[in-house]
Every structure is written in C-alpha cells, then in structure tokens.
Amino acid sequence: MRFRPTAVGEGSDPSRVEAFRQLFDSAYPRVMAYCLRRSDTRSDAEDAVSETFLVVWRRLDEIPEGPARIPWVFGVARRVLANQYRSRDRRARLEERLTPPSEASPPEFEAVHGALERLRPDDREILTLSAWDDLDNDQIAVVLATTPANVAVRLHRARRRLARQLARLGAGAEEVKSQDPSRTPDGVRGVDMQEERRR
C-alpha cells in the first residue's frame, strides 16, 4: 500500500504539514526506487519507505535546507534498511539481492552484476549511490555521514576495483557505460522502473 502523507499530518500545524508534503512529493519516487533496489520484495521496500517518512515527519525541523534535503532522507532510508537486514541472515540476503539478471537482460548488465557481486558491500553501496541513484559526492557524503573528500577517495578506489573485476570477466569499463542520460537503468535488480513511474 502506498504511504499516505496525510496519515502523519492529521491534527498538526498546517504549515508543518505543507512543508512535509512538499518534501514527500519531491523525495518519494527516488526513495522508493532506492529501497526497491535494496529490498527482496516490494512489500519490504514499502515498509522501509513508510518508516523512513515517519522519521522524516518526527525530525522535520532537523532536516537541512537546500540540496542536502533529499540526501538526508536517503540517509534515513539507509539506516531503516540496515535495521531490516539485522533481523535476517545478511549473507543470504546479499546473495538474493545480487542474483544475476535474467537471460533477457542486456549482456552489459550481466557483467556489471557479476563484477559487483565480487566487491565488498561498502564498495557496492558507494558505486550504486553514484551510478544508480544519481547522487554527487556532496550528496553521498550526507547519506554516508562522511566528508565529500572521503567519498571522492572511496569512489575512486571502488571504481578501480570494479574495473579490475570487469576485466576478469572479460568486459571493459567502456563496454558497460550506459548511453542513456538516465543513470538508473530500467530492469536493474528485477525492478521495472517504467512500471514504478506509472504508479
């Protein structure tokens, strides 16, 4: 069931409700996509999104202004998902999440997923925040609670490790670059992003 922003705002200050609604409207599609890519089922993703926005409502006055607002929400979603993972066998979840694409997927997706599977979880996280969630270094720093300089170093190292893994799989970095201006490809992790946009 889709999260309803009115559910947290009933009986509250109208200006606060409106501020929350504006943030919800701008952040919801990206946070839902973020959670879908990191959850085993749509239900798990919806639970994570609902809990994320409940935290956002409670901490609305703490949210930074400007470009850091949505990355701050991503940071909340990341912690919510981490709590979900702790209740399950982490290794089994990672293996399920990294199941190679179906035969119908483009070959470059298979190469990317195969290479990502061989990376450490922190390398996968920072690479996907950059490539799939389209965040810049400053925004990733907000999500990971670190500095942009640290993000730049970690991202550079993660990209080198990914390139090495791609080379081992017989694919070069140029072969797996998306030609689509949208950096989040349809069908990643089995999520039909066109269907998601229609919801």
N, C-alpha and C. Protein backbone atom coordinates (compact mmCIF):
# COMPACT_ATOMS: atom_id res chain seq x y z
N MET A 1 0.84 -1.20 0.00
CA MET A 1 0.00 0.00 0.00
C MET A 1 0.88 1.25 0.00
N ARG A 2 0.56 2.21 -0.85
CA ARG A 2 1.33 3.43 -0.94
C ARG A 2 1.19 4.25 0.34
N PHE A 3 2.30 4.78 0.83
CA PHE A 3 2.32 5.60 2.04
C PHE A 3 1.54 6.89 1.79
N ARG A 4 0.69 7.28 2.76
CA ARG A 4 -0.11 8.50 2.62
C ARG A 4 0.44 9.57 3.54
N PRO A 5 0.95 10.70 3.01
CA PRO A 5 1.50 11.75 3.87
C PRO A 5 0.47 12.33 4.82
N THR A 6 -0.83 12.25 4.46
CA THR A 6 -1.86 12.79 5.35
C THR A 6 -1.95 12.00 6.65
N ALA A 7 -1.47 10.74 6.62
CA ALA A 7 -1.59 9.89 7.80
C ALA A 7 -0.79 10.43 8.97
N VAL A 8 0.32 11.14 8.69
CA VAL A 8 1.14 11.65 9.79
C VAL A 8 0.80 13.09 10.13
N GLY A 9 -0.03 13.74 9.30
CA GLY A 9 -0.24 15.16 9.49
C GLY A 9 -1.58 15.54 10.10
N GLU A 10 -2.43 14.58 10.39
CA GLU A 10 -3.76 14.89 10.89
C GLU A 10 -3.68 15.58 12.24
N GLY A 11 -4.35 16.73 12.35
CA GLY A 11 -4.38 17.46 13.59
C GLY A 11 -3.13 18.25 13.88
N SER A 12 -2.23 18.42 12.89
CA SER A 12 -0.98 19.12 13.10
C SER A 12 -1.03 20.52 12.50
N ASP A 13 0.01 21.30 12.78
CA ASP A 13 0.14 22.65 12.26
C ASP A 13 0.13 22.60 10.72
N PRO A 14 -0.78 23.34 10.07
CA PRO A 14 -0.89 23.27 8.60
C PRO A 14 0.41 23.60 7.87
N SER A 15 1.19 24.56 8.38
CA SER A 15 2.43 24.92 7.71
C SER A 15 3.44 23.77 7.78
N ARG A 16 3.43 23.07 8.92
CA ARG A 16 4.33 21.91 9.06
C ARG A 16 3.90 20.79 8.11
N VAL A 17 2.58 20.57 8.02
CA VAL A 17 2.06 19.54 7.12
C VAL A 17 2.44 19.87 5.68
N GLU A 18 2.32 21.14 5.29
CA GLU A 18 2.63 21.53 3.92
C GLU A 18 4.12 21.37 3.63
N ALA A 19 4.97 21.71 4.60
CA ALA A 19 6.42 21.53 4.41
C ALA A 19 6.75 20.06 4.23
N PHE A 20 6.10 19.21 5.02
CA PHE A 20 6.33 17.76 4.89
C PHE A 20 5.84 17.26 3.53
N ARG A 21 4.65 17.74 3.12
CA ARG A 21 4.08 17.27 1.86
C ARG A 21 5.00 17.63 0.68
N GLN A 22 5.55 18.83 0.70
CA GLN A 22 6.44 19.23 -0.38
C GLN A 22 7.69 18.35 -0.43
N LEU A 23 8.25 18.07 0.74
CA LEU A 23 9.43 17.20 0.77
C LEU A 23 9.07 15.79 0.34
N PHE A 24 7.93 15.30 0.81
CA PHE A 24 7.46 13.96 0.44
C PHE A 24 7.31 13.84 -1.08
N ASP A 25 6.64 14.82 -1.69
CA ASP A 25 6.39 14.78 -3.13
C ASP A 25 7.68 14.75 -3.93
N SER A 26 8.70 15.48 -3.48
CA SER A 26 9.95 15.53 -4.23
C SER A 26 10.84 14.32 -3.95
N ALA A 27 10.77 13.77 -2.73
CA ALA A 27 11.69 12.70 -2.35
C ALA A 27 11.13 11.30 -2.57
N TYR A 28 9.81 11.14 -2.51
CA TYR A 28 9.22 9.80 -2.52
C TYR A 28 9.65 8.92 -3.70
N PRO A 29 9.57 9.41 -4.96
CA PRO A 29 9.92 8.49 -6.07
C PRO A 29 11.35 7.98 -5.97
N ARG A 30 12.29 8.85 -5.60
CA ARG A 30 13.69 8.44 -5.54
C ARG A 30 13.95 7.52 -4.34
N VAL A 31 13.29 7.81 -3.22
CA VAL A 31 13.49 6.96 -2.05
C VAL A 31 12.86 5.58 -2.28
N MET A 32 11.70 5.55 -2.95
CA MET A 32 11.09 4.26 -3.27
C MET A 32 11.99 3.45 -4.19
N ALA A 33 12.55 4.09 -5.22
CA ALA A 33 13.46 3.38 -6.13
C ALA A 33 14.69 2.88 -5.37
N TYR A 34 15.20 3.70 -4.47
CA TYR A 34 16.36 3.32 -3.65
C TYR A 34 16.05 2.08 -2.82
N CYS A 35 14.89 2.07 -2.17
CA CYS A 35 14.52 0.94 -1.32
C CYS A 35 14.19 -0.31 -2.14
N LEU A 36 13.56 -0.13 -3.30
CA LEU A 36 13.25 -1.28 -4.15
C LEU A 36 14.52 -2.00 -4.58
N ARG A 37 15.56 -1.25 -4.91
CA ARG A 37 16.79 -1.87 -5.36
C ARG A 37 17.52 -2.59 -4.24
N ARG A 38 17.17 -2.29 -3.01
CA ARG A 38 17.89 -2.86 -1.87
C ARG A 38 17.02 -3.78 -1.02
N SER A 39 15.83 -4.12 -1.51
CA SER A 39 14.93 -4.99 -0.78
C SER A 39 14.63 -6.24 -1.60
N ASP A 40 14.29 -7.32 -0.90
CA ASP A 40 13.95 -8.57 -1.59
C ASP A 40 12.58 -8.51 -2.23
N THR A 41 11.65 -7.79 -1.60
CA THR A 41 10.29 -7.73 -2.12
C THR A 41 9.79 -6.29 -2.11
N ARG A 42 8.75 -6.04 -2.90
CA ARG A 42 8.15 -4.71 -2.91
C ARG A 42 7.57 -4.37 -1.54
N SER A 43 7.02 -5.38 -0.86
CA SER A 43 6.46 -5.15 0.47
C SER A 43 7.54 -4.66 1.44
N ASP A 44 8.72 -5.28 1.39
CA ASP A 44 9.83 -4.83 2.25
C ASP A 44 10.20 -3.39 1.94
N ALA A 45 10.24 -3.06 0.64
CA ALA A 45 10.59 -1.70 0.24
C ALA A 45 9.55 -0.70 0.73
N GLU A 46 8.28 -1.04 0.60
CA GLU A 46 7.21 -0.14 1.04
C GLU A 46 7.27 0.07 2.55
N ASP A 47 7.55 -1.01 3.30
CA ASP A 47 7.70 -0.87 4.75
C ASP A 47 8.83 0.10 5.09
N ALA A 48 9.96 -0.05 4.37
CA ALA A 48 11.11 0.81 4.63
C ALA A 48 10.79 2.27 4.31
N VAL A 49 10.08 2.50 3.20
CA VAL A 49 9.72 3.86 2.82
C VAL A 49 8.78 4.47 3.85
N SER A 50 7.80 3.70 4.29
CA SER A 50 6.86 4.22 5.30
C SER A 50 7.58 4.61 6.58
N GLU A 51 8.47 3.73 7.04
CA GLU A 51 9.22 4.04 8.26
C GLU A 51 10.14 5.24 8.05
N THR A 52 10.72 5.33 6.86
CA THR A 52 11.59 6.48 6.57
C THR A 52 10.84 7.79 6.70
N PHE A 53 9.64 7.86 6.12
CA PHE A 53 8.91 9.12 6.15
C PHE A 53 8.28 9.41 7.51
N LEU A 54 8.07 8.38 8.32
CA LEU A 54 7.66 8.64 9.71
C LEU A 54 8.80 9.31 10.47
N VAL A 55 10.03 8.85 10.21
CA VAL A 55 11.20 9.50 10.83
C VAL A 55 11.33 10.93 10.32
N VAL A 56 11.13 11.11 9.02
CA VAL A 56 11.22 12.45 8.44
C VAL A 56 10.20 13.38 9.10
N TRP A 57 8.98 12.90 9.30
CA TRP A 57 7.95 13.73 9.95
C TRP A 57 8.37 14.12 11.37
N ARG A 58 8.87 13.13 12.12
CA ARG A 58 9.26 13.43 13.51
C ARG A 58 10.45 14.39 13.58
N ARG A 59 11.33 14.33 12.59
CA ARG A 59 12.56 15.12 12.64
C ARG A 59 12.57 16.24 11.60
N LEU A 60 11.38 16.67 11.19
CA LEU A 60 11.25 17.64 10.10
C LEU A 60 12.04 18.91 10.37
N ASP A 61 12.07 19.35 11.62
CA ASP A 61 12.77 20.59 11.95
C ASP A 61 14.29 20.44 11.90
N GLU A 62 14.79 19.20 11.87
CA GLU A 62 16.24 18.97 11.84
C GLU A 62 16.79 18.85 10.43
N ILE A 63 15.91 18.74 9.43
CA ILE A 63 16.35 18.48 8.07
C ILE A 63 17.02 19.73 7.50
N PRO A 64 18.22 19.57 6.90
CA PRO A 64 18.92 20.73 6.34
C PRO A 64 18.17 21.32 5.16
N GLU A 65 18.40 22.59 4.90
CA GLU A 65 17.79 23.25 3.75
C GLU A 65 18.65 23.03 2.52
N GLY A 66 18.07 23.28 1.35
CA GLY A 66 18.84 23.27 0.12
C GLY A 66 19.10 21.87 -0.43
N PRO A 67 20.20 21.71 -1.17
CA PRO A 67 20.47 20.46 -1.89
C PRO A 67 20.67 19.24 -0.99
N ALA A 68 20.93 19.47 0.30
CA ALA A 68 21.18 18.34 1.20
C ALA A 68 19.89 17.69 1.70
N ARG A 69 18.72 18.24 1.38
CA ARG A 69 17.47 17.72 1.95
C ARG A 69 17.19 16.28 1.53
N ILE A 70 17.20 16.02 0.23
CA ILE A 70 16.88 14.66 -0.22
C ILE A 70 17.97 13.67 0.16
N PRO A 71 19.26 14.01 0.04
CA PRO A 71 20.28 13.08 0.56
C PRO A 71 20.11 12.77 2.04
N TRP A 72 19.63 13.73 2.83
CA TRP A 72 19.38 13.48 4.24
C TRP A 72 18.31 12.40 4.40
N VAL A 73 17.27 12.47 3.55
CA VAL A 73 16.22 11.45 3.58
C VAL A 73 16.79 10.10 3.15
N PHE A 74 17.67 10.10 2.15
CA PHE A 74 18.34 8.86 1.75
C PHE A 74 19.09 8.26 2.94
N GLY A 75 19.73 9.11 3.73
CA GLY A 75 20.45 8.62 4.90
C GLY A 75 19.53 7.94 5.89
N VAL A 76 18.33 8.50 6.08
CA VAL A 76 17.34 7.86 6.96
C VAL A 76 16.94 6.50 6.38
N ALA A 77 16.66 6.47 5.08
CA ALA A 77 16.25 5.21 4.44
C ALA A 77 17.35 4.17 4.57
N ARG A 78 18.57 4.59 4.44
CA ARG A 78 19.70 3.66 4.55
C ARG A 78 19.74 3.02 5.94
N ARG A 79 19.51 3.83 6.98
CA ARG A 79 19.52 3.28 8.35
C ARG A 79 18.31 2.38 8.60
N VAL A 80 17.16 2.74 8.04
CA VAL A 80 15.97 1.89 8.17
C VAL A 80 16.22 0.53 7.53
N LEU A 81 16.79 0.53 6.34
CA LEU A 81 17.09 -0.72 5.67
C LEU A 81 18.11 -1.54 6.44
N ALA A 82 19.09 -0.87 7.04
CA ALA A 82 20.09 -1.59 7.83
C ALA A 82 19.43 -2.31 9.00
N ASN A 83 18.44 -1.68 9.60
CA ASN A 83 17.72 -2.35 10.69
C ASN A 83 16.96 -3.57 10.19
N GLN A 84 16.41 -3.48 8.98
CA GLN A 84 15.74 -4.65 8.40
C GLN A 84 16.72 -5.80 8.20
N TYR A 85 17.91 -5.46 7.72
CA TYR A 85 18.90 -6.50 7.43
C TYR A 85 19.36 -7.24 8.69
N ARG A 86 19.43 -6.52 9.80
CA ARG A 86 19.94 -7.14 11.03
C ARG A 86 19.07 -8.29 11.50
N SER A 87 17.81 -8.29 11.12
CA SER A 87 16.89 -9.33 11.59
C SER A 87 16.94 -10.59 10.71
N ARG A 88 17.76 -10.57 9.70
CA ARG A 88 17.84 -11.72 8.79
C ARG A 88 19.28 -12.14 8.58
N ASP A 89 19.43 -13.23 7.94
CA ASP A 89 20.77 -13.71 7.61
C ASP A 89 21.36 -12.82 6.53
N ARG A 90 22.34 -12.00 6.89
CA ARG A 90 22.86 -10.99 5.98
C ARG A 90 23.43 -11.60 4.70
N ARG A 91 24.16 -12.67 4.86
CA ARG A 91 24.78 -13.24 3.67
C ARG A 91 23.75 -13.76 2.68
N ALA A 92 22.69 -14.40 3.20
CA ALA A 92 21.65 -14.91 2.31
C ALA A 92 20.97 -13.77 1.57
N ARG A 93 20.73 -12.67 2.26
CA ARG A 93 20.08 -11.51 1.63
C ARG A 93 20.94 -10.94 0.52
N LEU A 94 22.23 -10.83 0.77
CA LEU A 94 23.11 -10.29 -0.25
C LEU A 94 23.11 -11.16 -1.50
N GLU A 95 23.14 -12.47 -1.31
CA GLU A 95 23.14 -13.38 -2.45
C GLU A 95 21.84 -13.25 -3.25
N GLU A 96 20.73 -13.09 -2.55
CA GLU A 96 19.45 -12.93 -3.25
C GLU A 96 19.39 -11.60 -4.01
N ARG A 97 19.88 -10.54 -3.35
CA ARG A 97 19.85 -9.22 -3.98
C ARG A 97 20.75 -9.15 -5.20
N LEU A 98 21.79 -9.96 -5.22
CA LEU A 98 22.76 -9.90 -6.31
C LEU A 98 22.58 -11.03 -7.31
N THR A 99 21.38 -11.60 -7.34
CA THR A 99 21.09 -12.63 -8.34
C THR A 99 21.31 -12.04 -9.73
N PRO A 100 22.07 -12.73 -10.59
CA PRO A 100 22.34 -12.19 -11.93
C PRO A 100 21.05 -11.91 -12.68
N PRO A 101 21.08 -10.96 -13.60
CA PRO A 101 19.88 -10.63 -14.39
C PRO A 101 19.41 -11.83 -15.21
N SER A 102 18.17 -11.76 -15.65
CA SER A 102 17.61 -12.83 -16.48
C SER A 102 18.30 -12.84 -17.84
N GLU A 103 18.05 -13.91 -18.59
CA GLU A 103 18.67 -14.03 -19.91
C GLU A 103 18.25 -12.90 -20.84
N ALA A 104 17.09 -12.30 -20.55
CA ALA A 104 16.60 -11.23 -21.41
C ALA A 104 17.34 -9.92 -21.16
N SER A 105 18.10 -9.81 -20.06
CA SER A 105 18.80 -8.58 -19.75
C SER A 105 19.97 -8.39 -20.70
N PRO A 106 20.33 -7.13 -20.99
CA PRO A 106 21.48 -6.88 -21.86
C PRO A 106 22.75 -7.48 -21.27
N PRO A 107 23.68 -7.92 -22.11
CA PRO A 107 24.92 -8.54 -21.62
C PRO A 107 25.71 -7.65 -20.66
N GLU A 108 25.67 -6.32 -20.89
CA GLU A 108 26.44 -5.45 -20.02
C GLU A 108 25.91 -5.48 -18.58
N PHE A 109 24.59 -5.72 -18.40
CA PHE A 109 24.05 -5.84 -17.05
C PHE A 109 24.62 -7.06 -16.35
N GLU A 110 24.74 -8.16 -17.10
CA GLU A 110 25.31 -9.36 -16.51
C GLU A 110 26.73 -9.12 -16.04
N ALA A 111 27.51 -8.42 -16.87
CA ALA A 111 28.89 -8.13 -16.50
C ALA A 111 28.95 -7.25 -15.26
N VAL A 112 28.11 -6.22 -15.21
CA VAL A 112 28.11 -5.31 -14.05
C VAL A 112 27.71 -6.05 -12.79
N HIS A 113 26.63 -6.83 -12.86
CA HIS A 113 26.18 -7.57 -11.68
C HIS A 113 27.22 -8.58 -11.22
N GLY A 114 27.84 -9.26 -12.17
CA GLY A 114 28.88 -10.22 -11.81
C GLY A 114 30.05 -9.55 -11.13
N ALA A 115 30.44 -8.37 -11.65
CA ALA A 115 31.56 -7.64 -11.04
C ALA A 115 31.17 -7.10 -9.67
N LEU A 116 29.96 -6.55 -9.56
CA LEU A 116 29.51 -6.01 -8.27
C LEU A 116 29.46 -7.09 -7.19
N GLU A 117 29.06 -8.29 -7.59
CA GLU A 117 28.94 -9.39 -6.63
C GLU A 117 30.28 -9.70 -5.98
N ARG A 118 31.37 -9.42 -6.69
CA ARG A 118 32.69 -9.74 -6.19
C ARG A 118 33.30 -8.61 -5.35
N LEU A 119 32.58 -7.49 -5.24
CA LEU A 119 33.09 -6.36 -4.46
C LEU A 119 32.61 -6.43 -3.01
N ARG A 120 33.28 -5.66 -2.16
CA ARG A 120 32.85 -5.55 -0.76
C ARG A 120 31.55 -4.75 -0.71
N PRO A 121 30.72 -5.00 0.32
CA PRO A 121 29.44 -4.27 0.41
C PRO A 121 29.60 -2.75 0.40
N ASP A 122 30.63 -2.21 1.06
CA ASP A 122 30.77 -0.75 1.09
C ASP A 122 31.13 -0.21 -0.29
N ASP A 123 31.89 -0.99 -1.09
CA ASP A 123 32.17 -0.56 -2.46
C ASP A 123 30.90 -0.59 -3.30
N ARG A 124 30.09 -1.64 -3.16
CA ARG A 124 28.83 -1.71 -3.90
C ARG A 124 27.93 -0.53 -3.55
N GLU A 125 27.87 -0.22 -2.26
CA GLU A 125 26.98 0.85 -1.81
C GLU A 125 27.35 2.19 -2.43
N ILE A 126 28.62 2.54 -2.38
CA ILE A 126 29.02 3.86 -2.87
C ILE A 126 28.91 3.94 -4.39
N LEU A 127 29.19 2.83 -5.07
CA LEU A 127 29.06 2.83 -6.53
C LEU A 127 27.60 2.97 -6.96
N THR A 128 26.70 2.27 -6.29
CA THR A 128 25.29 2.34 -6.68
C THR A 128 24.66 3.68 -6.30
N LEU A 129 25.11 4.28 -5.20
CA LEU A 129 24.62 5.62 -4.86
C LEU A 129 24.99 6.61 -5.96
N SER A 130 26.18 6.45 -6.52
CA SER A 130 26.63 7.34 -7.58
C SER A 130 25.96 7.02 -8.92
N ALA A 131 26.01 5.74 -9.32
CA ALA A 131 25.58 5.38 -10.66
C ALA A 131 24.08 5.15 -10.78
N TRP A 132 23.45 4.52 -9.78
CA TRP A 132 22.03 4.18 -9.88
C TRP A 132 21.14 5.25 -9.28
N ASP A 133 21.61 5.87 -8.18
CA ASP A 133 20.78 6.88 -7.52
C ASP A 133 21.13 8.30 -7.92
N ASP A 134 22.17 8.44 -8.78
CA ASP A 134 22.49 9.72 -9.40
C ASP A 134 22.82 10.81 -8.37
N LEU A 135 23.54 10.44 -7.31
CA LEU A 135 23.95 11.41 -6.31
C LEU A 135 25.39 11.85 -6.56
N ASP A 136 25.68 13.13 -6.30
CA ASP A 136 27.05 13.60 -6.44
C ASP A 136 27.80 13.36 -5.12
N ASN A 137 29.09 13.71 -5.09
CA ASN A 137 29.91 13.41 -3.91
C ASN A 137 29.39 14.09 -2.65
N ASP A 138 28.94 15.34 -2.78
CA ASP A 138 28.41 16.05 -1.60
C ASP A 138 27.17 15.34 -1.06
N GLN A 139 26.31 14.88 -1.96
CA GLN A 139 25.08 14.21 -1.53
C GLN A 139 25.37 12.83 -0.94
N ILE A 140 26.31 12.11 -1.55
CA ILE A 140 26.69 10.81 -1.00
C ILE A 140 27.28 10.98 0.39
N ALA A 141 28.02 12.06 0.61
CA ALA A 141 28.60 12.32 1.93
C ALA A 141 27.51 12.47 2.98
N VAL A 142 26.39 13.09 2.60
CA VAL A 142 25.26 13.22 3.54
C VAL A 142 24.68 11.85 3.85
N VAL A 143 24.49 11.02 2.82
CA VAL A 143 23.92 9.69 3.02
C VAL A 143 24.80 8.83 3.93
N LEU A 144 26.11 8.88 3.69
CA LEU A 144 27.04 8.01 4.42
C LEU A 144 27.60 8.66 5.69
N ALA A 145 27.17 9.89 5.97
CA ALA A 145 27.63 10.61 7.17
C ALA A 145 29.16 10.71 7.18
N THR A 146 29.72 11.19 6.08
CA THR A 146 31.17 11.36 5.98
C THR A 146 31.43 12.65 5.23
N THR A 147 32.66 12.85 4.74
CA THR A 147 33.02 14.08 4.03
C THR A 147 33.07 13.84 2.53
N PRO A 148 32.82 14.89 1.73
CA PRO A 148 32.94 14.73 0.28
C PRO A 148 34.33 14.26 -0.14
N ALA A 149 35.36 14.71 0.55
CA ALA A 149 36.71 14.28 0.21
C ALA A 149 36.87 12.78 0.42
N ASN A 150 36.32 12.27 1.51
CA ASN A 150 36.38 10.83 1.78
C ASN A 150 35.59 10.06 0.72
N VAL A 151 34.43 10.61 0.34
CA VAL A 151 33.63 9.98 -0.71
C VAL A 151 34.43 9.90 -2.01
N ALA A 152 35.12 10.99 -2.37
CA ALA A 152 35.89 11.00 -3.62
C ALA A 152 36.95 9.91 -3.63
N VAL A 153 37.63 9.76 -2.50
CA VAL A 153 38.67 8.73 -2.41
C VAL A 153 38.07 7.34 -2.50
N ARG A 154 37.00 7.10 -1.71
CA ARG A 154 36.36 5.78 -1.69
C ARG A 154 35.77 5.43 -3.05
N LEU A 155 35.16 6.43 -3.71
CA LEU A 155 34.54 6.18 -5.01
C LEU A 155 35.61 5.86 -6.05
N HIS A 156 36.73 6.59 -6.01
CA HIS A 156 37.82 6.32 -6.94
C HIS A 156 38.34 4.90 -6.76
N ARG A 157 38.56 4.49 -5.52
CA ARG A 157 39.06 3.15 -5.25
C ARG A 157 38.05 2.07 -5.65
N ALA A 158 36.76 2.34 -5.36
CA ALA A 158 35.72 1.37 -5.71
C ALA A 158 35.63 1.20 -7.22
N ARG A 159 35.76 2.30 -7.95
CA ARG A 159 35.71 2.21 -9.42
C ARG A 159 36.90 1.42 -9.96
N ARG A 160 38.06 1.59 -9.36
CA ARG A 160 39.22 0.81 -9.80
C ARG A 160 39.01 -0.67 -9.54
N ARG A 161 38.45 -0.99 -8.35
CA ARG A 161 38.18 -2.40 -8.05
C ARG A 161 37.14 -2.98 -9.01
N LEU A 162 36.10 -2.18 -9.31
CA LEU A 162 35.09 -2.64 -10.25
C LEU A 162 35.71 -2.87 -11.63
N ALA A 163 36.57 -1.97 -12.07
CA ALA A 163 37.21 -2.13 -13.37
C ALA A 163 38.04 -3.41 -13.42
N ARG A 164 38.74 -3.71 -12.31
CA ARG A 164 39.53 -4.95 -12.27
C ARG A 164 38.63 -6.17 -12.38
N GLN A 165 37.48 -6.13 -11.68
CA GLN A 165 36.57 -7.27 -11.73
C GLN A 165 35.95 -7.41 -13.12
N LEU A 166 35.63 -6.28 -13.74
CA LEU A 166 35.09 -6.33 -15.10
C LEU A 166 36.12 -6.92 -16.07
N ALA A 167 37.37 -6.54 -15.87
CA ALA A 167 38.43 -7.08 -16.73
C ALA A 167 38.54 -8.59 -16.56
N ARG A 168 38.41 -9.07 -15.31
CA ARG A 168 38.48 -10.51 -15.08
C ARG A 168 37.32 -11.24 -15.75
N LEU A 169 36.19 -10.53 -15.88
CA LEU A 169 35.03 -11.13 -16.53
C LEU A 169 35.04 -10.92 -18.04
N GLY A 170 36.10 -10.28 -18.53
CA GLY A 170 36.22 -10.08 -19.97
C GLY A 170 35.46 -8.89 -20.50
N ALA A 171 35.10 -7.94 -19.62
CA ALA A 171 34.37 -6.74 -20.07
C ALA A 171 35.13 -5.51 -19.62
N GLY A 172 35.30 -4.56 -20.51
CA GLY A 172 35.95 -3.31 -20.15
C GLY A 172 34.95 -2.30 -19.66
N ALA A 173 35.43 -1.28 -18.97
CA ALA A 173 34.53 -0.25 -18.43
C ALA A 173 33.75 0.45 -19.53
N GLU A 174 34.37 0.66 -20.71
CA GLU A 174 33.67 1.35 -21.79
C GLU A 174 32.48 0.54 -22.29
N GLU A 175 32.59 -0.80 -22.18
CA GLU A 175 31.53 -1.65 -22.70
C GLU A 175 30.27 -1.61 -21.85
N VAL A 176 30.39 -1.22 -20.59
CA VAL A 176 29.23 -1.25 -19.71
C VAL A 176 28.72 0.14 -19.38
N LYS A 177 29.28 1.19 -19.99
CA LYS A 177 28.76 2.53 -19.77
C LYS A 177 27.40 2.66 -20.43
N SER A 178 26.45 3.26 -19.69
CA SER A 178 25.12 3.46 -20.26
C SER A 178 25.16 4.63 -21.23
N GLN A 179 24.49 4.48 -22.38
CA GLN A 179 24.35 5.56 -23.33
C GLN A 179 23.09 6.38 -23.05
N ASP A 180 22.31 5.94 -22.08
CA ASP A 180 21.07 6.62 -21.71
C ASP A 180 21.40 7.74 -20.73
N PRO A 181 20.88 8.96 -20.94
CA PRO A 181 21.15 10.04 -19.99
C PRO A 181 20.65 9.73 -18.59
N SER A 182 19.62 8.87 -18.47
CA SER A 182 19.16 8.45 -17.14
C SER A 182 20.14 7.44 -16.60
N ARG A 183 20.72 7.69 -15.42
CA ARG A 183 21.77 6.83 -14.90
C ARG A 183 21.22 5.65 -14.13
N THR A 184 19.91 5.56 -13.96
CA THR A 184 19.31 4.40 -13.32
C THR A 184 18.64 3.55 -14.39
N PRO A 185 19.26 2.46 -14.82
CA PRO A 185 18.70 1.69 -15.93
C PRO A 185 17.44 0.94 -15.55
N ASP A 186 16.50 0.82 -16.51
CA ASP A 186 15.30 0.02 -16.29
C ASP A 186 15.70 -1.44 -16.11
N GLY A 187 14.98 -2.13 -15.24
CA GLY A 187 15.22 -3.56 -15.08
C GLY A 187 16.31 -3.91 -14.11
N VAL A 188 16.98 -2.94 -13.50
CA VAL A 188 18.04 -3.26 -12.55
C VAL A 188 17.43 -3.94 -11.33
N ARG A 189 18.05 -5.05 -10.89
CA ARG A 189 17.60 -5.81 -9.73
C ARG A 189 16.18 -6.34 -9.94
N GLY A 190 15.77 -6.48 -11.17
CA GLY A 190 14.44 -7.01 -11.43
C GLY A 190 13.33 -6.00 -11.23
N VAL A 191 13.66 -4.73 -11.03
CA VAL A 191 12.65 -3.70 -10.82
C VAL A 191 12.32 -3.06 -12.15
N ASP A 192 11.07 -3.06 -12.53
CA ASP A 192 10.63 -2.41 -13.75
C ASP A 192 10.38 -0.95 -13.43
N MET A 193 11.35 -0.07 -13.76
CA MET A 193 11.24 1.33 -13.38
C MET A 193 10.12 2.03 -14.16
N GLN A 194 9.82 1.56 -15.39
CA GLN A 194 8.70 2.16 -16.11
C GLN A 194 7.39 1.90 -15.39
N GLU A 195 7.24 0.68 -14.86
CA GLU A 195 6.04 0.37 -14.08
C GLU A 195 5.99 1.23 -12.83
N GLU A 196 7.14 1.40 -12.17
CA GLU A 196 7.20 2.20 -10.94
C GLU A 196 6.79 3.64 -11.21
N ARG A 197 7.22 4.18 -12.37
CA ARG A 197 6.87 5.57 -12.67
C ARG A 197 5.38 5.73 -12.95
N ARG A 198 4.72 4.64 -13.38
CA ARG A 198 3.28 4.74 -13.64
C ARG A 198 2.45 4.71 -12.39
N ARG A 199 3.06 4.29 -11.27
CA ARG A 199 2.28 4.15 -10.03
C ARG A 199 2.03 5.52 -9.41
